[in-house]
Amino acid sequence: MHAARHSNCTVRTDRALTLASVAVTAALLVAVAACGNAVASPAAATPRTPVGPPATASAPPSTAPPSGSGVGGSVPGATGLASPSGAAIGGIVTPSPSSVPVPTRLPAIPAPTRSYPPTQLAAVGHAAPLVSSGLRAYPVVALTIDDCWSPSAVLAILAILQAEHVNATFFPIGQAVEAYPWVWRAVGAAGYPVANHTWDHMDLTRAPYEHDVWDIRHDNEVVGAVVGRPLLPFVRPPGGAVDEMVLRAAAAAGERAVVTWDTTLGDTGRGSVAELIANGIRGTNGSIVLMHANHDLTQLALPAVIANYRARGFSFVTLGQLFGVPGPVPFGPTLAPTSAPARTPTPRPAETRLPDATMPTTTPTDGPSVPPTPPASPST
């Protein structure tokens, strides 16, 4: 009898455990089902605040280049300045023509009566002449714009020059032109001359002669194809670094002169606009003024620089006009008033020859008339 009672207790215990297990399992299944319904039901989900601009906000500007921005295309607009409003170009916002600040119109210059005689250029042997200014007898200045890494700065400077009817010459780096071809078709369409500032902005005095010849020629070919006409036959060495080998390489590449400067805005750093203006107005008769289109300070200083030179009786010429070399002139030949005051009593020679001591030891005393074959074009 005792064994039977023990057996009945064991069976009852097993049944209780089984029922408890079934109850727990059922409760878990109900809970899982409820969670599944809550996740699957959109009505049960908590509303989320939309991310991003409201539906009424305007669409962001396109980052694609303007129509016809590929090589060989056309530039929209009469002056070629059209580009997407606020388009991001290379990480720099390119303003539309209407958003580019244009200075107040400056006083008109009296009607001219005669032409300025150009400064004559003459190569010496197999070397191109090195020039930093023109003749000092007449009140003309030549504005030059270098590097041009910023498309927005180039277009802003171009708009100011056009609005004020100011002639100037651009010296862009070839790789910058290749990166923003529509900008340089706009410069060409506006009638401004473009000259050579090398393909890759390498210090020409540190490279072999063959590389220098190739670099200058390659830049002429690529930039000329984008602009739509041959470049002015002038090369500006990066940083103004020049030696006898560079002068020989320039001549071998077909350049009429190696052009530096005698006045600069000093705009390669981050000085104030007032400092740039003070530097830029130091030019005198025949001065070549250097500035850069790399950031926004230059275009902020440019209107005051133009106004100062005009108030002092100067006119603005291209380098082609200054040195009598054929090329585009946006606003016709610059003419002199009947009685032009001489700004500098003692003329300064236009050609500057380097002393023999600066000639590299590897430079031949009388270079070959035909340069060595240039190396193959590096991949770009």
Protein backbone atom coordinates (compact mmCIF):
# COMPACT_ATOMS: atom_id res chain seq x y z
CA MET A 1 0.00 0.00 0.00
CA HIS A 2 2.82 2.37 0.77
CA ALA A 3 4.37 1.73 -2.67
CA ALA A 4 1.05 2.50 -4.39
CA ARG A 5 0.67 5.83 -2.59
CA HIS A 6 4.23 6.80 -3.59
CA SER A 7 3.50 5.96 -7.22
CA ASN A 8 0.32 8.08 -7.23
CA CYS A 9 2.22 11.09 -5.81
CA THR A 10 4.91 10.77 -8.45
CA VAL A 11 2.34 10.71 -11.28
CA ARG A 12 0.53 13.76 -9.86
CA THR A 13 3.82 15.65 -9.57
CA ASP A 14 4.82 14.85 -13.17
CA ARG A 15 1.39 15.97 -14.41
CA ALA A 16 1.69 19.28 -12.52
CA LEU A 17 5.11 19.96 -13.96
CA THR A 18 3.86 19.15 -17.45
CA LEU A 19 0.87 21.48 -17.12
CA ALA A 20 3.10 24.28 -15.80
CA SER A 21 5.48 23.83 -18.71
CA VAL A 22 2.64 23.95 -21.20
CA ALA A 23 1.28 27.12 -19.56
CA VAL A 24 4.65 28.87 -19.72
CA THR A 25 5.12 27.87 -23.36
CA ALA A 26 1.69 29.12 -24.25
CA ALA A 27 2.32 32.43 -22.52
CA LEU A 28 5.58 32.88 -24.45
CA LEU A 29 3.85 32.12 -27.76
CA VAL A 30 1.15 34.68 -27.00
CA ALA A 31 3.75 37.30 -26.12
CA VAL A 32 5.75 36.65 -29.30
CA ALA A 33 2.60 36.87 -31.41
CA ALA A 34 1.66 40.15 -29.81
CA CYS A 35 5.11 41.60 -30.49
CA GLY A 36 4.93 40.44 -34.09
CA ASN A 37 1.59 42.12 -34.60
CA ALA A 38 2.86 45.35 -33.07
CA VAL A 39 5.88 45.42 -35.40
CA ALA A 40 3.89 44.46 -38.48
CA SER A 41 1.07 46.91 -37.87
CA PRO A 42 1.78 50.43 -39.29
CA ALA A 43 -0.93 51.91 -37.11
CA ALA A 44 0.87 50.75 -33.99
CA ALA A 45 4.19 52.37 -35.00
CA THR A 46 5.12 55.70 -33.43
CA PRO A 47 5.19 58.51 -36.06
CA ARG A 48 8.79 59.71 -36.96
CA THR A 49 9.79 63.27 -37.74
CA PRO A 50 10.79 63.46 -41.44
CA VAL A 51 14.53 63.87 -42.05
CA GLY A 52 15.63 66.53 -44.51
CA PRO A 53 13.97 69.64 -45.94
CA PRO A 54 10.17 69.89 -46.12
CA ALA A 55 8.42 69.05 -49.34
CA THR A 56 8.13 72.76 -50.22
CA ALA A 57 11.89 73.39 -50.05
CA SER A 58 13.64 74.09 -53.33
CA ALA A 59 15.75 71.34 -54.85
CA PRO A 60 19.52 71.57 -54.25
CA PRO A 61 21.54 73.00 -57.13
CA SER A 62 22.97 70.58 -59.63
CA THR A 63 26.66 69.83 -59.38
CA ALA A 64 26.94 69.05 -63.09
CA PRO A 65 28.91 71.50 -65.25
CA PRO A 66 27.00 73.86 -67.53
CA SER A 67 25.71 72.69 -70.86
CA GLY A 68 28.56 72.53 -73.32
CA SER A 69 31.20 72.24 -70.60
CA GLY A 70 32.96 69.37 -72.32
CA VAL A 71 35.92 70.06 -74.57
CA GLY A 72 34.74 71.33 -77.90
CA GLY A 73 31.29 72.41 -76.65
CA SER A 74 29.77 75.84 -76.71
CA VAL A 75 29.47 78.26 -73.84
CA PRO A 76 25.93 79.47 -73.19
CA GLY A 77 25.27 83.17 -73.05
CA ALA A 78 26.74 86.07 -74.94
CA THR A 79 29.75 86.41 -72.67
CA GLY A 80 30.14 82.74 -71.86
CA LEU A 81 29.69 83.36 -68.13
CA ALA A 82 26.62 81.17 -67.70
CA SER A 83 26.92 78.35 -65.16
CA PRO A 84 24.53 76.72 -62.72
CA SER A 85 23.56 79.11 -59.95
CA GLY A 86 25.52 78.10 -56.90
CA ALA A 87 26.89 74.97 -58.59
CA ALA A 88 29.59 73.17 -56.63
CA ILE A 89 32.69 72.95 -58.82
CA GLY A 90 35.63 71.12 -57.33
CA GLY A 91 34.40 71.87 -53.82
CA ILE A 92 34.14 75.61 -54.57
CA VAL A 93 30.79 77.26 -55.13
CA THR A 94 30.67 78.95 -58.52
CA PRO A 95 28.42 82.00 -58.45
CA SER A 96 26.09 82.80 -61.29
CA PRO A 97 26.92 85.96 -63.28
CA SER A 98 24.17 87.89 -61.52
CA SER A 99 25.59 87.02 -58.09
CA VAL A 100 29.13 88.19 -58.88
CA PRO A 101 29.71 91.58 -57.22
CA VAL A 102 30.27 94.30 -59.78
CA PRO A 103 31.80 97.58 -58.58
CA THR A 104 30.27 100.99 -59.14
CA ARG A 105 31.09 102.41 -62.55
CA LEU A 106 34.31 104.39 -62.54
CA PRO A 107 34.78 107.82 -64.17
CA ALA A 108 35.18 107.71 -67.94
CA ILE A 109 38.66 108.24 -69.40
CA PRO A 110 39.08 111.15 -71.87
CA ALA A 111 38.99 110.16 -75.52
CA PRO A 112 42.48 109.04 -76.65
CA THR A 113 44.20 110.46 -79.72
CA ARG A 114 47.26 108.32 -80.44
CA SER A 115 48.67 104.83 -79.96
CA TYR A 116 51.38 103.79 -77.54
CA PRO A 117 54.47 102.33 -79.22
CA PRO A 118 55.08 98.77 -78.00
CA THR A 119 58.23 97.58 -76.28
CA GLN A 120 60.25 95.59 -78.81
CA LEU A 121 61.34 92.03 -77.95
CA ALA A 122 64.48 90.39 -79.29
CA ALA A 123 65.85 86.95 -78.47
CA VAL A 124 69.55 86.70 -77.64
CA GLY A 125 71.08 83.65 -79.28
CA HIS A 126 69.00 80.62 -78.37
CA ALA A 127 67.45 82.21 -75.26
CA ALA A 128 64.15 84.05 -74.96
CA PRO A 129 64.30 87.53 -73.43
CA LEU A 130 63.34 87.92 -69.77
CA VAL A 131 61.01 90.88 -69.20
CA SER A 132 59.37 92.33 -66.09
CA SER A 133 57.94 95.57 -67.54
CA GLY A 134 57.44 97.56 -70.70
CA LEU A 135 58.71 100.99 -71.68
CA ARG A 136 58.61 103.57 -68.90
CA ALA A 137 57.70 106.50 -71.14
CA TYR A 138 53.91 106.01 -71.25
CA PRO A 139 51.24 105.58 -68.53
CA VAL A 140 50.06 102.05 -69.23
CA VAL A 141 49.90 99.02 -66.95
CA ALA A 142 49.33 95.36 -67.79
CA LEU A 143 47.23 93.39 -65.31
CA THR A 144 48.04 89.66 -65.25
CA ILE A 145 46.12 86.90 -63.44
CA ASP A 146 47.98 83.71 -62.43
CA ASP A 147 47.24 80.12 -61.37
CA CYS A 148 43.40 80.27 -61.51
CA TRP A 149 42.68 77.23 -59.34
CA SER A 150 39.34 78.72 -58.23
CA PRO A 151 36.71 78.83 -61.02
CA SER A 152 34.54 81.17 -58.95
CA ALA A 153 37.44 83.61 -58.54
CA VAL A 154 38.21 83.48 -62.27
CA LEU A 155 34.59 84.25 -63.20
CA ALA A 156 34.34 87.04 -60.60
CA ILE A 157 37.53 88.69 -61.86
CA LEU A 158 36.38 88.29 -65.46
CA ALA A 159 33.04 89.96 -64.66
CA ILE A 160 34.81 92.94 -63.06
CA LEU A 161 37.22 93.34 -65.99
CA GLN A 162 34.34 93.24 -68.48
CA ALA A 163 32.17 95.65 -66.51
CA GLU A 164 35.00 98.18 -66.29
CA HIS A 165 36.31 97.64 -69.85
CA VAL A 166 39.75 96.71 -68.57
CA ASN A 167 42.23 94.74 -70.65
CA ALA A 168 44.25 92.01 -68.89
CA THR A 169 46.11 88.76 -69.58
CA PHE A 170 45.45 85.40 -67.90
CA PHE A 171 48.21 82.92 -66.98
CA PRO A 172 46.34 79.77 -65.84
CA ILE A 173 48.01 76.51 -64.87
CA GLY A 174 47.27 73.92 -67.55
CA GLN A 175 45.83 71.39 -65.13
CA ALA A 176 43.37 73.98 -63.81
CA VAL A 177 42.18 74.65 -67.37
CA GLU A 178 41.74 70.93 -67.99
CA ALA A 179 39.72 70.64 -64.75
CA TYR A 180 37.34 73.55 -65.56
CA PRO A 181 37.21 73.83 -69.37
CA TRP A 182 33.88 75.74 -69.48
CA VAL A 183 35.44 78.54 -67.42
CA TRP A 184 38.23 78.99 -69.95
CA ARG A 185 35.93 78.89 -72.93
CA ALA A 186 34.14 81.78 -71.20
CA VAL A 187 37.44 83.66 -70.87
CA GLY A 188 38.19 83.01 -74.54
CA ALA A 189 34.68 84.02 -75.64
CA ALA A 190 35.08 87.31 -73.76
CA GLY A 191 38.12 88.10 -75.90
CA TYR A 192 40.82 87.95 -73.21
CA PRO A 193 44.28 86.66 -74.06
CA VAL A 194 45.64 83.59 -72.30
CA ALA A 195 49.35 82.82 -71.91
CA ASN A 196 51.45 79.96 -70.56
CA HIS A 197 51.97 79.29 -66.84
CA THR A 198 53.22 75.70 -67.40
CA TRP A 199 51.23 72.52 -67.34
CA ASP A 200 51.90 71.38 -63.75
CA HIS A 201 53.35 74.47 -61.99
CA MET A 202 56.68 72.75 -61.45
CA ASP A 203 59.77 74.84 -60.66
CA LEU A 204 61.38 74.88 -64.11
CA THR A 205 64.84 75.57 -62.68
CA ARG A 206 64.76 72.19 -60.89
CA ALA A 207 63.71 70.12 -63.91
CA PRO A 208 65.78 68.93 -66.88
CA TYR A 209 65.86 71.00 -70.04
CA GLU A 210 63.89 68.36 -71.96
CA HIS A 211 61.10 68.41 -69.37
CA ASP A 212 60.85 72.21 -69.49
CA VAL A 213 60.45 72.20 -73.28
CA TRP A 214 57.84 69.44 -73.10
CA ASP A 215 55.96 71.13 -70.23
CA ILE A 216 55.63 74.47 -72.05
CA ARG A 217 54.65 72.87 -75.36
CA HIS A 218 52.12 70.54 -73.74
CA ASP A 219 50.50 73.43 -71.90
CA ASN A 220 50.21 75.40 -75.14
CA GLU A 221 48.50 72.48 -76.89
CA VAL A 222 46.00 71.57 -74.15
CA VAL A 223 45.08 75.10 -73.05
CA GLY A 224 44.90 76.39 -76.61
CA ALA A 225 42.48 73.59 -77.54
CA VAL A 226 40.19 74.49 -74.63
CA VAL A 227 40.30 78.26 -75.13
CA GLY A 228 39.77 77.86 -78.86
CA ARG A 229 42.81 79.75 -80.14
CA PRO A 230 46.61 79.74 -79.74
CA LEU A 231 48.04 81.15 -76.54
CA LEU A 232 50.02 84.36 -76.49
CA PRO A 233 53.68 83.34 -76.96
CA PHE A 234 54.66 84.27 -73.40
CA VAL A 235 55.51 81.93 -70.53
CA ARG A 236 55.53 82.87 -66.85
CA PRO A 237 57.67 80.45 -64.79
CA PRO A 238 56.06 79.35 -61.50
CA GLY A 239 57.25 81.56 -58.66
CA GLY A 240 59.23 83.67 -61.14
CA ALA A 241 62.06 81.11 -60.87
CA VAL A 242 64.21 81.44 -63.98
CA ASP A 243 67.74 80.72 -65.12
CA GLU A 244 69.53 80.51 -68.45
CA MET A 245 68.29 76.97 -69.06
CA VAL A 246 64.67 78.11 -68.65
CA LEU A 247 65.22 80.95 -71.12
CA ARG A 248 66.62 78.48 -73.65
CA ALA A 249 63.77 76.02 -73.08
CA ALA A 250 61.20 78.79 -73.56
CA ALA A 251 62.76 79.79 -76.88
CA ALA A 252 62.86 76.15 -78.02
CA ALA A 253 59.16 75.80 -77.16
CA GLY A 254 58.30 78.81 -79.34
CA GLU A 255 57.83 81.51 -76.68
CA ARG A 256 58.63 85.12 -77.55
CA ALA A 257 59.53 86.05 -73.95
CA VAL A 258 59.68 84.84 -70.36
CA VAL A 259 57.48 87.29 -68.45
CA THR A 260 57.73 88.07 -64.73
CA TRP A 261 56.47 91.25 -63.02
CA ASP A 262 57.52 94.39 -61.20
CA THR A 263 54.35 94.85 -59.08
CA THR A 264 52.29 92.28 -57.18
CA LEU A 265 49.20 92.34 -55.01
CA GLY A 266 50.84 89.83 -52.68
CA ASP A 267 47.65 87.77 -52.67
CA THR A 268 49.12 84.28 -52.29
CA GLY A 269 48.67 84.49 -48.50
CA ARG A 270 45.68 85.68 -46.49
CA GLY A 271 46.48 89.35 -46.03
CA SER A 272 43.77 91.95 -45.75
CA VAL A 273 42.06 93.54 -48.75
CA ALA A 274 43.60 96.90 -47.78
CA GLU A 275 47.09 95.35 -47.94
CA LEU A 276 46.42 93.87 -51.36
CA ILE A 277 45.25 97.25 -52.66
CA ALA A 278 48.29 99.06 -51.25
CA ASN A 279 50.61 96.54 -52.90
CA GLY A 280 48.79 96.51 -56.22
CA ILE A 281 48.81 100.28 -56.86
CA ARG A 282 52.62 100.65 -56.64
CA GLY A 283 53.01 100.21 -60.39
CA THR A 284 54.29 102.92 -62.68
CA ASN A 285 54.63 103.42 -66.45
CA GLY A 286 54.85 100.08 -68.23
CA SER A 287 54.36 98.01 -65.07
CA ILE A 288 53.27 94.39 -65.18
CA VAL A 289 50.99 93.75 -62.19
CA LEU A 290 50.66 90.22 -60.79
CA MET A 291 47.58 88.82 -59.04
CA HIS A 292 46.07 85.36 -58.56
CA ALA A 293 42.63 83.81 -58.96
CA ASN A 294 42.87 81.34 -56.09
CA HIS A 295 40.55 82.80 -53.41
CA ASP A 296 38.06 85.61 -52.90
CA LEU A 297 40.36 88.40 -51.65
CA THR A 298 41.74 89.31 -55.06
CA GLN A 299 38.38 90.19 -56.61
CA LEU A 300 37.53 92.25 -53.54
CA ALA A 301 40.67 94.36 -54.02
CA LEU A 302 40.58 94.59 -57.83
CA PRO A 303 37.97 97.39 -58.24
CA ALA A 304 39.97 99.75 -56.01
CA VAL A 305 43.20 98.91 -57.85
CA ILE A 306 41.52 99.73 -61.18
CA ALA A 307 40.09 102.98 -59.81
CA ASN A 308 43.47 104.10 -58.46
CA TYR A 309 45.33 103.59 -61.73
CA ARG A 310 42.61 105.34 -63.71
CA ALA A 311 42.60 108.30 -61.32
CA ARG A 312 46.34 108.61 -61.93
CA GLY A 313 45.87 108.67 -65.71
CA PHE A 314 46.84 105.08 -66.57
CA SER A 315 45.30 102.89 -69.25
CA PHE A 316 45.20 99.08 -69.21
CA VAL A 317 46.84 96.97 -71.90
CA THR A 318 47.28 93.29 -72.65
CA LEU A 319 50.79 91.87 -72.78
CA GLY A 320 50.35 91.56 -76.54
CA GLN A 321 49.73 95.31 -76.73
CA LEU A 322 52.61 96.06 -74.37
CA PHE A 323 55.14 94.12 -76.44
CA GLY A 324 53.65 94.46 -79.93
CA VAL A 325 52.72 90.78 -80.29
CA PRO A 326 49.50 89.90 -82.17
CA GLY A 327 46.73 88.51 -79.99
CA PRO A 328 43.20 89.12 -78.73
CA VAL A 329 42.39 92.51 -77.20
CA PRO A 330 38.97 92.70 -75.47
CA PHE A 331 38.46 96.45 -75.80
CA GLY A 332 40.50 97.51 -78.79
CA PRO A 333 43.92 99.17 -78.89
CA THR A 334 44.72 101.34 -75.92
CA LEU A 335 45.50 104.89 -76.93
CA ALA A 336 47.26 107.70 -75.13
CA PRO A 337 45.93 111.19 -74.37
CA THR A 338 47.51 114.07 -76.29
CA SER A 339 49.81 114.96 -73.39
CA ALA A 340 50.59 111.86 -71.36
CA PRO A 341 52.59 112.60 -68.21
CA ALA A 342 55.73 110.55 -67.76
CA ARG A 343 55.49 108.66 -64.49
CA THR A 344 59.14 107.67 -64.34
CA PRO A 345 61.82 110.07 -65.62
CA THR A 346 64.43 107.37 -66.26
CA PRO A 347 63.33 104.57 -68.61
CA ARG A 348 64.04 101.07 -67.40
CA PRO A 349 65.13 98.44 -69.93
CA ALA A 350 62.46 95.87 -70.67
CA GLU A 351 64.90 93.00 -71.14
CA THR A 352 66.74 91.74 -68.07
CA ARG A 353 69.67 89.42 -68.68
CA LEU A 354 70.89 87.07 -66.01
CA PRO A 355 74.55 87.37 -64.96
CA ASP A 356 76.81 84.54 -66.07
CA ALA A 357 77.29 83.47 -62.46
CA THR A 358 73.71 82.27 -62.26
CA MET A 359 74.02 80.04 -65.31
CA PRO A 360 73.87 76.33 -64.35
CA THR A 361 77.10 74.41 -64.88
CA THR A 362 75.21 71.94 -67.07
CA THR A 363 74.08 74.64 -69.51
CA PRO A 364 75.99 74.59 -72.82
CA THR A 365 77.73 77.85 -73.74
CA ASP A 366 75.91 77.85 -77.06
CA GLY A 367 72.79 75.70 -76.90
CA PRO A 368 71.62 73.63 -79.86
CA SER A 369 69.29 75.23 -82.36
CA VAL A 370 67.07 72.14 -82.15
CA PRO A 371 66.30 70.98 -78.60
CA PRO A 372 66.52 67.31 -77.62
CA THR A 373 63.46 65.18 -78.23
CA PRO A 374 61.01 65.79 -75.37
CA PRO A 375 60.06 62.81 -73.18
CA ALA A 376 56.80 60.98 -73.63
CA SER A 377 53.79 62.72 -72.12
CA PRO A 378 53.23 61.54 -68.53
CA SER A 379 49.86 60.10 -67.68
CA THR A 380 47.49 62.69 -66.30
